[in-house]
Amino acid sequence: MAKISPIQFLRQVKQEVKKVTWPTKKEVMQTSVMVIIIVAVAAAFFFLVDQILGWAVKLIFGLGV
């Protein structure tokens, strides 16, 4: 691998950053809201499954309901 100077490296980084397509504010908001909704649904699902399994284990081992 060829060695390049720090100045050349920074120039290349600057060129690459110019190629990036940055999301709009609307896109960021939409994807953020979707992530929050999906996380909330997943949390509710796992909470429900945990409660059901906990109840089943107590029922099976006779620890009282």
N, C-alpha and C. Protein backbone atom coordinates (compact mmCIF):
# COMPACT_ATOMS: atom_id res chain seq x y z
N MET A 1 0.85 -1.18 0.00
CA MET A 1 0.00 0.00 0.00
C MET A 1 0.89 1.24 0.00
N ALA A 2 0.62 2.14 -0.92
CA ALA A 2 1.45 3.33 -1.04
C ALA A 2 1.16 4.30 0.10
N LYS A 3 2.21 4.94 0.57
CA LYS A 3 2.05 5.93 1.62
C LYS A 3 1.73 7.27 0.98
N ILE A 4 0.78 7.97 1.60
CA ILE A 4 0.44 9.31 1.10
C ILE A 4 0.62 10.29 2.25
N SER A 5 0.82 11.53 1.90
CA SER A 5 1.02 12.55 2.92
C SER A 5 -0.32 12.88 3.58
N PRO A 6 -0.26 13.40 4.79
CA PRO A 6 -1.51 13.78 5.47
C PRO A 6 -2.32 14.82 4.69
N ILE A 7 -1.62 15.73 4.01
CA ILE A 7 -2.30 16.76 3.22
C ILE A 7 -3.07 16.10 2.07
N GLN A 8 -2.42 15.18 1.38
CA GLN A 8 -3.07 14.48 0.27
C GLN A 8 -4.26 13.67 0.78
N PHE A 9 -4.09 13.04 1.92
CA PHE A 9 -5.17 12.26 2.51
C PHE A 9 -6.38 13.15 2.79
N LEU A 10 -6.15 14.32 3.37
CA LEU A 10 -7.25 15.24 3.68
C LEU A 10 -7.93 15.73 2.40
N ARG A 11 -7.18 15.94 1.35
CA ARG A 11 -7.77 16.35 0.06
C ARG A 11 -8.69 15.24 -0.47
N GLN A 12 -8.22 14.01 -0.36
CA GLN A 12 -9.04 12.89 -0.83
C GLN A 12 -10.31 12.74 0.01
N VAL A 13 -10.20 12.95 1.30
CA VAL A 13 -11.37 12.88 2.17
C VAL A 13 -12.37 13.95 1.76
N LYS A 14 -11.89 15.16 1.51
CA LYS A 14 -12.76 16.26 1.11
C LYS A 14 -13.48 15.93 -0.20
N GLN A 15 -12.77 15.34 -1.15
CA GLN A 15 -13.38 14.95 -2.43
C GLN A 15 -14.47 13.90 -2.22
N GLU A 16 -14.20 12.93 -1.35
CA GLU A 16 -15.18 11.87 -1.10
C GLU A 16 -16.41 12.40 -0.38
N VAL A 17 -16.21 13.32 0.55
CA VAL A 17 -17.35 13.88 1.29
C VAL A 17 -18.27 14.66 0.35
N LYS A 18 -17.72 15.28 -0.67
CA LYS A 18 -18.54 16.01 -1.65
C LYS A 18 -19.44 15.07 -2.43
N LYS A 19 -19.07 13.78 -2.54
CA LYS A 19 -19.86 12.80 -3.28
C LYS A 19 -21.04 12.26 -2.47
N VAL A 20 -21.03 12.49 -1.17
CA VAL A 20 -22.07 11.94 -0.30
C VAL A 20 -23.40 12.64 -0.57
N THR A 21 -24.47 11.83 -0.65
CA THR A 21 -25.81 12.38 -0.77
C THR A 21 -26.41 12.43 0.63
N TRP A 22 -26.50 13.62 1.19
CA TRP A 22 -27.00 13.77 2.55
C TRP A 22 -28.52 13.77 2.56
N PRO A 23 -29.14 13.14 3.57
CA PRO A 23 -30.60 13.12 3.63
C PRO A 23 -31.15 14.50 3.97
N THR A 24 -32.39 14.72 3.53
CA THR A 24 -33.04 15.98 3.87
C THR A 24 -33.57 15.90 5.30
N LYS A 25 -33.96 17.05 5.83
CA LYS A 25 -34.51 17.09 7.19
C LYS A 25 -35.77 16.24 7.27
N LYS A 26 -36.59 16.28 6.22
CA LYS A 26 -37.83 15.49 6.19
C LYS A 26 -37.51 13.99 6.22
N GLU A 27 -36.52 13.56 5.46
CA GLU A 27 -36.14 12.14 5.45
C GLU A 27 -35.62 11.70 6.81
N VAL A 28 -34.83 12.54 7.45
CA VAL A 28 -34.30 12.21 8.78
C VAL A 28 -35.44 12.08 9.79
N MET A 29 -36.38 13.00 9.74
CA MET A 29 -37.52 12.96 10.66
C MET A 29 -38.36 11.70 10.43
N GLN A 30 -38.63 11.37 9.17
CA GLN A 30 -39.45 10.19 8.85
C GLN A 30 -38.78 8.91 9.32
N THR A 31 -37.51 8.77 9.04
CA THR A 31 -36.83 7.54 9.45
C THR A 31 -36.68 7.47 10.97
N SER A 32 -36.48 8.61 11.62
CA SER A 32 -36.38 8.62 13.08
C SER A 32 -37.69 8.20 13.72
N VAL A 33 -38.79 8.70 13.20
CA VAL A 33 -40.11 8.33 13.73
C VAL A 33 -40.36 6.85 13.51
N MET A 34 -40.00 6.34 12.34
CA MET A 34 -40.19 4.91 12.07
C MET A 34 -39.37 4.05 13.03
N VAL A 35 -38.14 4.45 13.30
CA VAL A 35 -37.29 3.70 14.23
C VAL A 35 -37.92 3.70 15.61
N ILE A 36 -38.40 4.84 16.07
CA ILE A 36 -39.02 4.92 17.40
C ILE A 36 -40.25 4.03 17.47
N ILE A 37 -41.08 4.03 16.42
CA ILE A 37 -42.28 3.19 16.40
C ILE A 37 -41.90 1.72 16.43
N ILE A 38 -40.95 1.32 15.61
CA ILE A 38 -40.55 -0.09 15.55
C ILE A 38 -39.96 -0.53 16.89
N VAL A 39 -39.15 0.31 17.52
CA VAL A 39 -38.58 -0.03 18.82
C VAL A 39 -39.69 -0.17 19.87
N ALA A 40 -40.68 0.71 19.84
CA ALA A 40 -41.79 0.63 20.80
C ALA A 40 -42.59 -0.65 20.60
N VAL A 41 -42.86 -1.01 19.35
CA VAL A 41 -43.61 -2.24 19.05
C VAL A 41 -42.81 -3.46 19.51
N ALA A 42 -41.52 -3.48 19.21
CA ALA A 42 -40.67 -4.61 19.63
C ALA A 42 -40.62 -4.71 21.15
N ALA A 43 -40.50 -3.58 21.84
CA ALA A 43 -40.45 -3.59 23.30
C ALA A 43 -41.75 -4.12 23.88
N ALA A 44 -42.88 -3.69 23.32
CA ALA A 44 -44.18 -4.18 23.79
C ALA A 44 -44.31 -5.68 23.54
N PHE A 45 -43.87 -6.14 22.39
CA PHE A 45 -43.94 -7.56 22.06
C PHE A 45 -43.11 -8.39 23.04
N PHE A 46 -41.88 -7.99 23.27
CA PHE A 46 -41.01 -8.75 24.16
C PHE A 46 -41.50 -8.68 25.61
N PHE A 47 -42.07 -7.56 26.01
CA PHE A 47 -42.65 -7.46 27.35
C PHE A 47 -43.81 -8.44 27.50
N LEU A 48 -44.67 -8.49 26.50
CA LEU A 48 -45.81 -9.41 26.53
C LEU A 48 -45.35 -10.87 26.56
N VAL A 49 -44.40 -11.22 25.72
CA VAL A 49 -43.87 -12.58 25.70
C VAL A 49 -43.22 -12.92 27.05
N ASP A 50 -42.48 -11.99 27.63
CA ASP A 50 -41.85 -12.22 28.92
C ASP A 50 -42.90 -12.46 30.00
N GLN A 51 -43.97 -11.68 29.99
CA GLN A 51 -45.03 -11.85 30.98
C GLN A 51 -45.71 -13.20 30.83
N ILE A 52 -45.98 -13.60 29.60
CA ILE A 52 -46.63 -14.89 29.35
C ILE A 52 -45.72 -16.04 29.77
N LEU A 53 -44.46 -15.99 29.41
CA LEU A 53 -43.53 -17.06 29.79
C LEU A 53 -43.34 -17.10 31.30
N GLY A 54 -43.27 -15.96 31.95
CA GLY A 54 -43.15 -15.92 33.40
C GLY A 54 -44.36 -16.54 34.07
N TRP A 55 -45.54 -16.23 33.57
CA TRP A 55 -46.77 -16.81 34.09
C TRP A 55 -46.77 -18.32 33.89
N ALA A 56 -46.33 -18.79 32.71
CA ALA A 56 -46.31 -20.22 32.40
C ALA A 56 -45.32 -20.96 33.31
N VAL A 57 -44.16 -20.38 33.56
CA VAL A 57 -43.17 -21.01 34.42
C VAL A 57 -43.71 -21.12 35.84
N LYS A 58 -44.34 -20.07 36.33
CA LYS A 58 -44.92 -20.12 37.67
C LYS A 58 -46.02 -21.18 37.74
N LEU A 59 -46.81 -21.30 36.70
CA LEU A 59 -47.87 -22.29 36.65
C LEU A 59 -47.30 -23.70 36.64
N ILE A 60 -46.27 -23.93 35.85
CA ILE A 60 -45.66 -25.25 35.73
C ILE A 60 -44.99 -25.69 37.03
N PHE A 61 -44.25 -24.81 37.66
CA PHE A 61 -43.52 -25.14 38.87
C PHE A 61 -44.34 -24.94 40.14
N GLY A 62 -45.57 -24.52 39.98
CA GLY A 62 -46.46 -24.38 41.13
C GLY A 62 -46.03 -23.31 42.12
N LEU A 63 -45.47 -22.25 41.64
CA LEU A 63 -45.01 -21.18 42.53
C LEU A 63 -46.11 -20.20 42.86
N GLY A 64 -47.30 -20.47 42.42
CA GLY A 64 -48.42 -19.57 42.65
C GLY A 64 -48.57 -18.57 41.53
N VAL A 65 -49.78 -18.20 41.30
CA VAL A 65 -50.06 -17.30 40.18
C VAL A 65 -50.31 -15.91 40.64
